[in-house]
Amino acid sequence: MRIIGGTLKGIRLQPPANLPVRPTTDMAKEALFNILNNRFDFETCTVLDLFCGTGNLTFEFASRQAEKIVAVDLDYGCVNWVKTTAQKHGFDQIEVRKGDVFKLLKQMTGNYDLIFADPPYNMPNIPQIPVMVKEQGLLKPDGLLVVEHQSNMKLNSQPGYTETRKYGNSSFSFFEYV
């Protein structure tokens, strides 16, 4: 897992091999950050990283000096890895929470500039993520929700859908709520 930009650009992080994850590929991550760089000033950005796994995106946002990042995952090993790695690199802006994302979304308050969700591809309730984010009012007015999913899944009927970008078997669907 390579950090592609910011203060830790070029650093490779080596998460434990036994974590139950499917990290976003470097190619897809680079394409995503090319899109996001044109839209956000990361230094004033608040980020919610759902299903954070190895923290691949969490650390990319932290390296780019995001103001605050809340990273959520259900797996204890992932949560522990992200906490330990954040401390090692002095990323005080990262808050790591262990929990079921769907239960947490029902309880969350606050507004984020950017919400990124990278659920397991076989999870049947992925289409509920945009609905729940909208219902809870978790995005700021100019905020963006990005859901990573298998390319054969279509999320274009979900509220706030704007577009999908495909990168091999993975796609990013974008949502905005005005």
N, C-alpha and C. Protein backbone atom coordinates (compact mmCIF):
# COMPACT_ATOMS: atom_id res chain seq x y z
N MET A 1 0.86 -1.17 0.00
CA MET A 1 0.00 0.00 0.00
C MET A 1 0.91 1.23 0.00
N ARG A 2 0.79 2.02 -1.05
CA ARG A 2 1.67 3.17 -1.24
C ARG A 2 0.88 4.46 -1.07
N ILE A 3 1.46 5.43 -0.37
CA ILE A 3 0.88 6.76 -0.27
C ILE A 3 1.30 7.51 -1.53
N ILE A 4 0.31 8.06 -2.25
CA ILE A 4 0.62 8.65 -3.55
C ILE A 4 0.78 10.16 -3.53
N GLY A 5 0.46 10.82 -2.40
CA GLY A 5 0.60 12.27 -2.36
C GLY A 5 0.74 12.78 -0.94
N GLY A 6 1.12 14.04 -0.82
CA GLY A 6 1.20 14.67 0.48
C GLY A 6 2.53 14.46 1.19
N THR A 7 2.51 14.64 2.51
CA THR A 7 3.74 14.61 3.31
C THR A 7 4.40 13.23 3.34
N LEU A 8 3.63 12.16 3.17
CA LEU A 8 4.20 10.81 3.18
C LEU A 8 4.28 10.21 1.77
N LYS A 9 4.22 11.07 0.76
CA LYS A 9 4.24 10.57 -0.62
C LYS A 9 5.38 9.59 -0.84
N GLY A 10 5.05 8.44 -1.45
CA GLY A 10 6.05 7.43 -1.77
C GLY A 10 6.26 6.39 -0.69
N ILE A 11 5.79 6.65 0.51
CA ILE A 11 5.98 5.68 1.60
C ILE A 11 5.08 4.47 1.37
N ARG A 12 5.63 3.30 1.62
CA ARG A 12 4.84 2.06 1.53
C ARG A 12 4.52 1.59 2.94
N LEU A 13 3.24 1.38 3.17
CA LEU A 13 2.79 0.84 4.45
C LEU A 13 2.50 -0.64 4.25
N GLN A 14 2.90 -1.45 5.21
CA GLN A 14 2.74 -2.90 5.08
C GLN A 14 1.77 -3.43 6.14
N PRO A 15 0.47 -3.40 5.86
CA PRO A 15 -0.49 -3.92 6.83
C PRO A 15 -0.35 -5.44 6.97
N PRO A 16 -0.80 -6.00 8.07
CA PRO A 16 -0.74 -7.45 8.24
C PRO A 16 -1.49 -8.16 7.11
N ALA A 17 -0.94 -9.27 6.67
CA ALA A 17 -1.53 -10.01 5.54
C ALA A 17 -2.85 -10.68 5.90
N ASN A 18 -3.13 -10.85 7.19
CA ASN A 18 -4.32 -11.59 7.59
C ASN A 18 -5.57 -10.72 7.76
N LEU A 19 -5.51 -9.45 7.39
CA LEU A 19 -6.69 -8.60 7.51
C LEU A 19 -7.70 -8.93 6.40
N PRO A 20 -9.00 -8.94 6.75
CA PRO A 20 -10.03 -9.30 5.76
C PRO A 20 -10.39 -8.12 4.86
N VAL A 21 -9.48 -7.75 3.95
CA VAL A 21 -9.66 -6.53 3.17
C VAL A 21 -9.40 -6.76 1.69
N ARG A 22 -9.86 -5.80 0.89
CA ARG A 22 -9.58 -5.71 -0.52
C ARG A 22 -9.23 -4.25 -0.77
N PRO A 23 -7.97 -3.87 -0.55
CA PRO A 23 -7.60 -2.45 -0.66
C PRO A 23 -7.84 -1.89 -2.06
N THR A 24 -8.19 -0.61 -2.10
CA THR A 24 -8.34 0.12 -3.36
C THR A 24 -6.99 0.09 -4.07
N THR A 25 -6.98 -0.22 -5.34
CA THR A 25 -5.72 -0.30 -6.08
C THR A 25 -5.08 1.09 -6.19
N ASP A 26 -3.77 1.12 -6.35
CA ASP A 26 -3.07 2.39 -6.51
C ASP A 26 -3.59 3.16 -7.73
N MET A 27 -3.89 2.43 -8.83
CA MET A 27 -4.37 3.09 -10.03
C MET A 27 -5.72 3.77 -9.76
N ALA A 28 -6.64 3.06 -9.13
CA ALA A 28 -7.96 3.62 -8.83
C ALA A 28 -7.84 4.76 -7.82
N LYS A 29 -6.98 4.58 -6.83
CA LYS A 29 -6.80 5.62 -5.81
C LYS A 29 -6.22 6.89 -6.43
N GLU A 30 -5.27 6.74 -7.32
CA GLU A 30 -4.67 7.90 -7.98
C GLU A 30 -5.72 8.63 -8.83
N ALA A 31 -6.54 7.87 -9.55
CA ALA A 31 -7.60 8.48 -10.35
C ALA A 31 -8.60 9.22 -9.46
N LEU A 32 -8.97 8.61 -8.34
CA LEU A 32 -9.91 9.24 -7.41
C LEU A 32 -9.34 10.55 -6.88
N PHE A 33 -8.08 10.54 -6.47
CA PHE A 33 -7.50 11.76 -5.91
C PHE A 33 -7.26 12.84 -6.97
N ASN A 34 -7.11 12.46 -8.22
CA ASN A 34 -7.07 13.46 -9.28
C ASN A 34 -8.40 14.20 -9.36
N ILE A 35 -9.48 13.48 -9.20
CA ILE A 35 -10.82 14.09 -9.19
C ILE A 35 -10.99 14.97 -7.96
N LEU A 36 -10.65 14.44 -6.79
CA LEU A 36 -10.86 15.15 -5.53
C LEU A 36 -9.98 16.39 -5.40
N ASN A 37 -8.76 16.33 -5.93
CA ASN A 37 -7.84 17.48 -5.85
C ASN A 37 -8.41 18.71 -6.53
N ASN A 38 -9.21 18.52 -7.55
CA ASN A 38 -9.80 19.64 -8.27
C ASN A 38 -11.02 20.22 -7.56
N ARG A 39 -11.45 19.55 -6.52
CA ARG A 39 -12.68 19.97 -5.86
C ARG A 39 -12.48 20.41 -4.41
N PHE A 40 -11.49 19.84 -3.73
CA PHE A 40 -11.34 20.08 -2.29
C PHE A 40 -9.97 20.65 -1.93
N ASP A 41 -9.98 21.52 -0.94
CA ASP A 41 -8.76 21.93 -0.26
C ASP A 41 -8.66 21.02 0.95
N PHE A 42 -7.82 20.01 0.88
CA PHE A 42 -7.80 18.98 1.91
C PHE A 42 -7.49 19.52 3.30
N GLU A 43 -6.73 20.60 3.38
CA GLU A 43 -6.35 21.14 4.69
C GLU A 43 -7.54 21.67 5.48
N THR A 44 -8.66 21.92 4.82
CA THR A 44 -9.86 22.37 5.53
C THR A 44 -10.98 21.34 5.41
N CYS A 45 -10.63 20.13 5.06
CA CYS A 45 -11.59 19.08 4.74
C CYS A 45 -11.80 18.13 5.92
N THR A 46 -13.08 17.80 6.19
CA THR A 46 -13.41 16.77 7.16
C THR A 46 -13.88 15.55 6.39
N VAL A 47 -13.36 14.38 6.78
CA VAL A 47 -13.56 13.15 6.01
C VAL A 47 -14.10 12.05 6.91
N LEU A 48 -15.05 11.29 6.39
CA LEU A 48 -15.55 10.09 7.04
C LEU A 48 -15.21 8.93 6.12
N ASP A 49 -14.38 8.00 6.60
CA ASP A 49 -13.95 6.84 5.82
C ASP A 49 -14.65 5.61 6.39
N LEU A 50 -15.68 5.15 5.67
CA LEU A 50 -16.47 4.01 6.10
C LEU A 50 -15.91 2.72 5.52
N PHE A 51 -15.84 1.68 6.33
CA PHE A 51 -15.21 0.41 5.94
C PHE A 51 -13.74 0.70 5.62
N CYS A 52 -13.03 1.33 6.54
CA CYS A 52 -11.68 1.83 6.26
C CYS A 52 -10.65 0.74 6.02
N GLY A 53 -10.88 -0.47 6.50
CA GLY A 53 -9.95 -1.57 6.25
C GLY A 53 -8.55 -1.25 6.71
N THR A 54 -7.59 -1.27 5.80
CA THR A 54 -6.19 -1.00 6.13
C THR A 54 -5.90 0.48 6.36
N GLY A 55 -6.89 1.33 6.10
CA GLY A 55 -6.67 2.76 6.22
C GLY A 55 -6.03 3.36 4.98
N ASN A 56 -6.05 2.63 3.90
CA ASN A 56 -5.44 3.07 2.65
C ASN A 56 -5.85 4.51 2.31
N LEU A 57 -7.16 4.78 2.32
CA LEU A 57 -7.65 6.13 1.99
C LEU A 57 -7.49 7.06 3.18
N THR A 58 -7.69 6.56 4.38
CA THR A 58 -7.51 7.37 5.59
C THR A 58 -6.11 7.99 5.61
N PHE A 59 -5.10 7.18 5.36
CA PHE A 59 -3.72 7.68 5.40
C PHE A 59 -3.42 8.59 4.22
N GLU A 60 -4.06 8.36 3.10
CA GLU A 60 -3.88 9.25 1.95
C GLU A 60 -4.43 10.64 2.28
N PHE A 61 -5.62 10.69 2.90
CA PHE A 61 -6.19 11.98 3.31
C PHE A 61 -5.32 12.64 4.38
N ALA A 62 -4.83 11.86 5.33
CA ALA A 62 -3.98 12.41 6.39
C ALA A 62 -2.67 12.95 5.83
N SER A 63 -2.09 12.24 4.88
CA SER A 63 -0.85 12.68 4.25
C SER A 63 -1.05 14.02 3.53
N ARG A 64 -2.27 14.25 3.07
CA ARG A 64 -2.60 15.50 2.38
C ARG A 64 -3.14 16.55 3.35
N GLN A 65 -2.95 16.29 4.64
CA GLN A 65 -3.24 17.25 5.72
C GLN A 65 -4.73 17.54 5.92
N ALA A 66 -5.59 16.54 5.68
CA ALA A 66 -7.02 16.74 5.96
C ALA A 66 -7.18 17.15 7.41
N GLU A 67 -8.12 18.05 7.66
CA GLU A 67 -8.32 18.61 8.99
C GLU A 67 -8.74 17.55 10.01
N LYS A 68 -9.69 16.71 9.64
CA LYS A 68 -10.19 15.67 10.54
C LYS A 68 -10.63 14.48 9.70
N ILE A 69 -10.31 13.27 10.17
CA ILE A 69 -10.70 12.04 9.49
C ILE A 69 -11.26 11.09 10.53
N VAL A 70 -12.47 10.63 10.32
CA VAL A 70 -13.05 9.59 11.17
C VAL A 70 -13.05 8.32 10.33
N ALA A 71 -12.34 7.30 10.81
CA ALA A 71 -12.21 6.03 10.10
C ALA A 71 -12.97 4.96 10.87
N VAL A 72 -13.83 4.23 10.17
CA VAL A 72 -14.70 3.24 10.81
C VAL A 72 -14.52 1.88 10.17
N ASP A 73 -14.39 0.86 11.00
CA ASP A 73 -14.37 -0.51 10.51
C ASP A 73 -14.86 -1.44 11.62
N LEU A 74 -15.38 -2.58 11.23
CA LEU A 74 -15.89 -3.56 12.19
C LEU A 74 -14.80 -4.49 12.69
N ASP A 75 -13.78 -4.72 11.89
CA ASP A 75 -12.74 -5.70 12.22
C ASP A 75 -11.74 -5.12 13.22
N TYR A 76 -11.55 -5.82 14.32
CA TYR A 76 -10.62 -5.36 15.35
C TYR A 76 -9.19 -5.22 14.81
N GLY A 77 -8.76 -6.17 13.98
CA GLY A 77 -7.40 -6.10 13.43
C GLY A 77 -7.20 -4.86 12.58
N CYS A 78 -8.19 -4.51 11.78
CA CYS A 78 -8.10 -3.29 10.95
C CYS A 78 -8.06 -2.05 11.82
N VAL A 79 -8.95 -1.99 12.80
CA VAL A 79 -9.01 -0.84 13.70
C VAL A 79 -7.68 -0.66 14.43
N ASN A 80 -7.14 -1.75 14.93
CA ASN A 80 -5.87 -1.70 15.66
C ASN A 80 -4.73 -1.24 14.75
N TRP A 81 -4.67 -1.78 13.52
CA TRP A 81 -3.63 -1.40 12.55
C TRP A 81 -3.69 0.09 12.23
N VAL A 82 -4.91 0.60 11.97
CA VAL A 82 -5.06 2.02 11.62
C VAL A 82 -4.67 2.90 12.80
N LYS A 83 -5.10 2.55 14.02
CA LYS A 83 -4.74 3.33 15.21
C LYS A 83 -3.22 3.37 15.40
N THR A 84 -2.61 2.20 15.33
CA THR A 84 -1.16 2.10 15.55
C THR A 84 -0.38 2.87 14.49
N THR A 85 -0.77 2.74 13.24
CA THR A 85 -0.08 3.41 12.14
C THR A 85 -0.28 4.92 12.22
N ALA A 86 -1.47 5.36 12.59
CA ALA A 86 -1.74 6.80 12.74
C ALA A 86 -0.83 7.38 13.83
N GLN A 87 -0.71 6.68 14.96
CA GLN A 87 0.16 7.15 16.05
C GLN A 87 1.62 7.18 15.60
N LYS A 88 2.04 6.15 14.91
CA LYS A 88 3.44 6.05 14.44
C LYS A 88 3.82 7.24 13.55
N HIS A 89 2.87 7.71 12.73
CA HIS A 89 3.16 8.79 11.79
C HIS A 89 2.68 10.16 12.28
N GLY A 90 2.21 10.21 13.54
CA GLY A 90 1.80 11.49 14.12
C GLY A 90 0.55 12.09 13.51
N PHE A 91 -0.33 11.24 13.02
CA PHE A 91 -1.58 11.72 12.42
C PHE A 91 -2.64 11.88 13.50
N ASP A 92 -2.56 12.97 14.24
CA ASP A 92 -3.49 13.23 15.34
C ASP A 92 -4.90 13.54 14.85
N GLN A 93 -5.06 13.87 13.59
CA GLN A 93 -6.37 14.23 13.06
C GLN A 93 -7.22 13.00 12.74
N ILE A 94 -6.67 11.79 12.93
CA ILE A 94 -7.41 10.57 12.65
C ILE A 94 -8.06 10.05 13.93
N GLU A 95 -9.37 9.86 13.86
CA GLU A 95 -10.12 9.22 14.94
C GLU A 95 -10.62 7.89 14.39
N VAL A 96 -10.30 6.79 15.07
CA VAL A 96 -10.68 5.47 14.60
C VAL A 96 -11.80 4.92 15.48
N ARG A 97 -12.86 4.45 14.84
CA ARG A 97 -13.98 3.85 15.57
C ARG A 97 -14.21 2.43 15.09
N LYS A 98 -14.42 1.53 16.06
CA LYS A 98 -14.77 0.15 15.73
C LYS A 98 -16.29 0.04 15.80
N GLY A 99 -16.89 -0.47 14.74
CA GLY A 99 -18.33 -0.65 14.77
C GLY A 99 -18.90 -1.02 13.43
N ASP A 100 -20.16 -1.44 13.47
CA ASP A 100 -20.92 -1.76 12.28
C ASP A 100 -21.31 -0.45 11.60
N VAL A 101 -20.89 -0.26 10.38
CA VAL A 101 -21.12 0.99 9.67
C VAL A 101 -22.60 1.32 9.57
N PHE A 102 -23.44 0.32 9.29
CA PHE A 102 -24.86 0.59 9.10
C PHE A 102 -25.54 1.01 10.41
N LYS A 103 -25.14 0.42 11.51
CA LYS A 103 -25.67 0.84 12.81
C LYS A 103 -25.16 2.23 13.16
N LEU A 104 -23.89 2.47 12.90
CA LEU A 104 -23.29 3.77 13.19
C LEU A 104 -23.93 4.89 12.37
N LEU A 105 -24.21 4.62 11.10
CA LEU A 105 -24.81 5.64 10.24
C LEU A 105 -26.18 6.10 10.78
N LYS A 106 -26.90 5.19 11.42
CA LYS A 106 -28.21 5.55 11.98
C LYS A 106 -28.09 6.48 13.18
N GLN A 107 -26.91 6.47 13.84
CA GLN A 107 -26.71 7.24 15.07
C GLN A 107 -25.87 8.49 14.87
N MET A 108 -25.17 8.57 13.76
CA MET A 108 -24.20 9.65 13.57
C MET A 108 -24.86 11.01 13.38
N THR A 109 -24.15 12.00 13.85
CA THR A 109 -24.52 13.39 13.58
C THR A 109 -23.26 14.08 13.08
N GLY A 110 -23.39 15.30 12.64
CA GLY A 110 -22.23 16.03 12.14
C GLY A 110 -22.26 16.11 10.64
N ASN A 111 -21.40 16.95 10.13
CA ASN A 111 -21.32 17.14 8.68
C ASN A 111 -19.90 16.96 8.21
N TYR A 112 -19.77 16.32 7.09
CA TYR A 112 -18.46 16.05 6.51
C TYR A 112 -18.41 16.64 5.11
N ASP A 113 -17.20 17.05 4.72
CA ASP A 113 -16.99 17.52 3.36
C ASP A 113 -16.98 16.34 2.40
N LEU A 114 -16.42 15.23 2.87
CA LEU A 114 -16.23 14.07 2.02
C LEU A 114 -16.48 12.80 2.82
N ILE A 115 -17.29 11.93 2.27
CA ILE A 115 -17.51 10.60 2.86
C ILE A 115 -17.11 9.58 1.81
N PHE A 116 -16.24 8.67 2.21
CA PHE A 116 -15.80 7.60 1.31
C PHE A 116 -16.24 6.28 1.93
N ALA A 117 -16.89 5.43 1.14
CA ALA A 117 -17.32 4.11 1.60
C ALA A 117 -16.77 3.05 0.65
N ASP A 118 -16.08 2.08 1.23
CA ASP A 118 -15.51 0.99 0.45
C ASP A 118 -15.92 -0.33 1.11
N PRO A 119 -17.23 -0.67 1.02
CA PRO A 119 -17.71 -1.88 1.68
C PRO A 119 -17.25 -3.14 0.95
N PRO A 120 -17.31 -4.28 1.65
CA PRO A 120 -17.04 -5.55 0.94
C PRO A 120 -17.98 -5.67 -0.26
N TYR A 121 -17.45 -6.07 -1.38
CA TYR A 121 -18.21 -6.10 -2.61
C TYR A 121 -19.44 -7.03 -2.54
N ASN A 122 -19.37 -8.07 -1.69
CA ASN A 122 -20.49 -9.01 -1.61
C ASN A 122 -21.57 -8.57 -0.62
N MET A 123 -21.44 -7.40 -0.05
CA MET A 123 -22.42 -6.90 0.91
C MET A 123 -23.70 -6.50 0.17
N PRO A 124 -24.84 -7.09 0.56
CA PRO A 124 -26.08 -6.83 -0.19
C PRO A 124 -26.68 -5.44 0.01
N ASN A 125 -26.37 -4.77 1.11
CA ASN A 125 -27.02 -3.49 1.40
C ASN A 125 -26.18 -2.26 1.03
N ILE A 126 -25.26 -2.41 0.10
CA ILE A 126 -24.46 -1.27 -0.38
C ILE A 126 -25.35 -0.12 -0.88
N PRO A 127 -26.44 -0.42 -1.62
CA PRO A 127 -27.29 0.69 -2.09
C PRO A 127 -27.92 1.52 -0.96
N GLN A 128 -27.93 1.01 0.25
CA GLN A 128 -28.50 1.76 1.36
C GLN A 128 -27.56 2.87 1.86
N ILE A 129 -26.28 2.80 1.52
CA ILE A 129 -25.33 3.79 2.02
C ILE A 129 -25.72 5.21 1.59
N PRO A 130 -25.96 5.48 0.29
CA PRO A 130 -26.35 6.85 -0.08
C PRO A 130 -27.65 7.29 0.58
N VAL A 131 -28.60 6.37 0.75
CA VAL A 131 -29.88 6.69 1.38
C VAL A 131 -29.65 7.11 2.83
N MET A 132 -28.85 6.34 3.56
CA MET A 132 -28.61 6.61 4.97
C MET A 132 -27.82 7.90 5.17
N VAL A 133 -26.84 8.14 4.33
CA VAL A 133 -26.06 9.38 4.42
C VAL A 133 -26.97 10.59 4.21
N LYS A 134 -27.86 10.49 3.24
CA LYS A 134 -28.80 11.59 2.97
C LYS A 134 -29.77 11.78 4.14
N GLU A 135 -30.36 10.68 4.63
CA GLU A 135 -31.32 10.76 5.72
C GLU A 135 -30.72 11.36 6.99
N GLN A 136 -29.47 11.04 7.26
CA GLN A 136 -28.80 11.55 8.47
C GLN A 136 -28.22 12.95 8.27
N GLY A 137 -28.22 13.45 7.03
CA GLY A 137 -27.68 14.77 6.76
C GLY A 137 -26.20 14.88 7.08
N LEU A 138 -25.43 13.85 6.72
CA LEU A 138 -24.02 13.79 7.09
C LEU A 138 -23.09 14.59 6.19
N LEU A 139 -23.56 15.02 5.03
CA LEU A 139 -22.71 15.79 4.12
C LEU A 139 -22.99 17.28 4.25
N LYS A 140 -21.92 18.06 4.19
CA LYS A 140 -22.06 19.51 4.12
C LYS A 140 -22.69 19.87 2.77
N PRO A 141 -23.22 21.09 2.62
CA PRO A 141 -23.90 21.46 1.37
C PRO A 141 -23.09 21.21 0.10
N ASP A 142 -21.80 21.43 0.11
CA ASP A 142 -20.97 21.17 -1.07
C ASP A 142 -20.21 19.85 -0.96
N GLY A 143 -20.67 18.99 -0.07
CA GLY A 143 -19.98 17.73 0.21
C GLY A 143 -20.19 16.68 -0.87
N LEU A 144 -19.40 15.61 -0.74
CA LEU A 144 -19.41 14.55 -1.73
C LEU A 144 -19.33 13.20 -1.03
N LEU A 145 -20.20 12.28 -1.44
CA LEU A 145 -20.13 10.88 -1.02
C LEU A 145 -19.59 10.09 -2.19
N VAL A 146 -18.58 9.26 -1.92
CA VAL A 146 -18.02 8.37 -2.94
C VAL A 146 -18.16 6.94 -2.42
N VAL A 147 -18.80 6.09 -3.20
CA VAL A 147 -18.96 4.69 -2.84
C VAL A 147 -18.19 3.85 -3.84
N GLU A 148 -17.25 3.05 -3.35
CA GLU A 148 -16.53 2.12 -4.22
C GLU A 148 -17.30 0.81 -4.24
N HIS A 149 -17.46 0.24 -5.43
CA HIS A 149 -18.23 -0.99 -5.56
C HIS A 149 -17.81 -1.74 -6.82
N GLN A 150 -18.28 -2.98 -6.96
CA GLN A 150 -18.01 -3.74 -8.17
C GLN A 150 -18.62 -3.02 -9.36
N SER A 151 -17.93 -3.08 -10.48
CA SER A 151 -18.39 -2.37 -11.66
C SER A 151 -19.73 -2.86 -12.19
N ASN A 152 -20.11 -4.10 -11.89
CA ASN A 152 -21.40 -4.58 -12.38
C ASN A 152 -22.58 -4.12 -11.52
N MET A 153 -22.33 -3.47 -10.41
CA MET A 153 -23.39 -2.93 -9.56
C MET A 153 -23.75 -1.53 -10.05
N LYS A 154 -25.02 -1.27 -10.13
CA LYS A 154 -25.49 0.06 -10.56
C LYS A 154 -26.12 0.77 -9.37
N LEU A 155 -25.65 1.98 -9.08
CA LEU A 155 -26.19 2.78 -7.98
C LEU A 155 -26.85 4.06 -8.49
N ASN A 156 -27.09 4.15 -9.80
CA ASN A 156 -27.58 5.38 -10.40
C ASN A 156 -29.02 5.72 -10.03
N SER A 157 -29.74 4.83 -9.36
CA SER A 157 -31.10 5.15 -8.94
C SER A 157 -31.15 5.63 -7.48
N GLN A 158 -30.00 5.72 -6.85
CA GLN A 158 -29.95 6.15 -5.45
C GLN A 158 -29.98 7.68 -5.37
N PRO A 159 -30.50 8.22 -4.25
CA PRO A 159 -30.62 9.68 -4.13
C PRO A 159 -29.27 10.39 -4.19
N GLY A 160 -29.23 11.47 -4.95
CA GLY A 160 -28.03 12.29 -5.04
C GLY A 160 -27.00 11.81 -6.04
N TYR A 161 -27.28 10.73 -6.76
CA TYR A 161 -26.32 10.18 -7.72
C TYR A 161 -25.96 11.21 -8.78
N THR A 162 -24.65 11.33 -9.06
CA THR A 162 -24.21 12.23 -10.13
C THR A 162 -23.47 11.51 -11.25
N GLU A 163 -22.59 10.55 -10.90
CA GLU A 163 -21.85 9.85 -11.93
C GLU A 163 -21.13 8.64 -11.35
N THR A 164 -20.67 7.77 -12.26
CA THR A 164 -19.84 6.61 -11.89
C THR A 164 -18.60 6.62 -12.76
N ARG A 165 -17.47 6.36 -12.14
CA ARG A 165 -16.21 6.20 -12.88
C ARG A 165 -15.74 4.76 -12.68
N LYS A 166 -15.42 4.10 -13.77
CA LYS A 166 -15.05 2.68 -13.75
C LYS A 166 -13.54 2.51 -13.90
N TYR A 167 -12.97 1.65 -13.05
CA TYR A 167 -11.53 1.33 -13.11
C TYR A 167 -11.41 -0.19 -12.99
N GLY A 168 -11.51 -0.88 -14.12
CA GLY A 168 -11.48 -2.34 -14.11
C GLY A 168 -12.72 -2.89 -13.42
N ASN A 169 -12.54 -3.78 -12.46
CA ASN A 169 -13.65 -4.40 -11.73
C ASN A 169 -14.21 -3.48 -10.65
N SER A 170 -13.54 -2.37 -10.40
CA SER A 170 -13.98 -1.44 -9.37
C SER A 170 -14.53 -0.17 -10.00
N SER A 171 -15.54 0.38 -9.34
CA SER A 171 -16.10 1.66 -9.78
C SER A 171 -16.29 2.56 -8.57
N PHE A 172 -16.25 3.87 -8.83
CA PHE A 172 -16.58 4.87 -7.81
C PHE A 172 -17.86 5.54 -8.28
N SER A 173 -18.89 5.51 -7.43
CA SER A 173 -20.11 6.27 -7.71
C SER A 173 -20.12 7.49 -6.79
N PHE A 174 -20.50 8.62 -7.36
CA PHE A 174 -20.46 9.91 -6.66
C PHE A 174 -21.88 10.39 -6.38
N PHE A 175 -22.05 10.97 -5.18
CA PHE A 175 -23.36 11.46 -4.74
C PHE A 175 -23.21 12.83 -4.11
N GLU A 176 -24.17 13.70 -4.40
CA GLU A 176 -24.22 15.04 -3.80
C GLU A 176 -25.65 15.31 -3.38
N TYR A 177 -25.81 15.98 -2.26
CA TYR A 177 -27.15 16.34 -1.77
C TYR A 177 -27.18 17.85 -1.58
N VAL A 178 -28.05 18.52 -2.34
CA VAL A 178 -28.09 19.97 -2.30
C VAL A 178 -29.16 20.44 -1.34
